[in-house]
């Protein structure tokens, strides 16, 4: 049995405005109407002899990650929180240290949460093949069988054949992203694979090599895990110790220097399973279902004389006439129009929005919280209107605001309201007023979702104007 380690960090800025800082692409339904990319990653493990997945995500994504794992019917949540991103070498080290503490012979399958794999049978076959070599103390990487000269991927050059019957090879070298001419030569030669970023090895073997090549990363991660704390569904680590950890990828820190030693420890298992990392909108168009004119359409969309175009609309009718090779994305608060061949440059727009401190970089208009969600439906000078949904049995923290007052109007369901020293029920078509500075809380005691409209007024309406006194979700 092995342990899947699913890396769910990162932000996917090249898929803005769908993917945002607080709701990155692996938490979105990009290629499946009923499953997010994280959920697809977990579900494709079904049928393999593996333990419960170990998810590693950023601190700010902890509740959405937990909710998505829970939606799959799992109560065995094992989520480690990274206070800051430090790349894949430290991330995998944290998982390995936790694994060897529980089982010194543990084997890890390291996956990214944002990959598309069309052929799950081929994927599982490659994993089973890799597991046999991992048990022999090999460090296994998965090389994607390249079908085109991609310049956005790193490559793995295969070396001598290890096993003719299953086409496993030793790794000759890891190669940086090439230019188009070089990439074409790689694909033509047949000796190169796309670097998938997926690995399989014993946790102890990875730590052994990391300690040899990057003792600074190894020691920082050991110190980080010494003070881990179990908090509800989450494992919290020593923030200050991890902040001091160097930033590096597993390729640079371990795999490349190990290959440079001419070792027989690193092997590559070829994988031909319809893999795609959805790193841009043109990649999303590639894997999407298309009409007879090559258009991939999602939402309320009408097209005339339109070809090879990706259109996604969340909340309104989008129509096009006489266009070709475009990307059009409409969300509740933003619209993107780009040429499909230029979609990699969207990150330039995102960087400009960051400089301007635009809220659209971080959040969608609809924001998820552990107790439910809210949608900011209108805003202006000194006022803001939200539609709030509280899940059955959940509650908002006991809190107060220093710069705003709030008026709550219940649309459906029943609210249990704490307003100062009074606690009472508010039902449909009823309301209550929360003065500035008043301690208050909101709970849904019923079995149906609670829907209400919140009207905020005040001199400052930012989400950080919250003083919490009691919170069941452990937020400060």
Foldseek 3Di string as FASTA:
>chain_A
DAEEEEEEEDFLLLPPPVTFALRHQLLDCLAHPPAGLLRVVQVLCPPPPYDHYAYEYEPSNVLSVVVRVVVVVDPQFHYEHAPDDQAALLVLLLVLVVVCVVPVFHKYKYYYSQKDFAASVLVVVLVVVQVVLQSVQAKEFAFELDPALDQVFKKWFFDAADDPVQRKGFTQAIGHRDDSVVSVVQNVVRRMGTGRLIIMHGSVSSLVQLCVQPVQQSVLSVQFAVDWDDDNSYIYTDNVSVVSHHHDYCRVRGVHVVSVVVDRRYMYRYGHGRMDSCSHVLSSLVSADADPQSEREADQEEEECEHNEYEHADDDYDYYYNYYQWYWYHAPPDIDIGRNVCSSCSVVVLVVCVVVVPPSNHDGQWQADSQGIKGFPDDDQQKTKIKDKGAAFGKDFFKAFQWKKKKKAWQAAKKFKDWAPDTDIAHHRGMDIHDHPTTMMIHHNDNHITIIMMMMGGNDDDPPRIDGDDDPNPDD
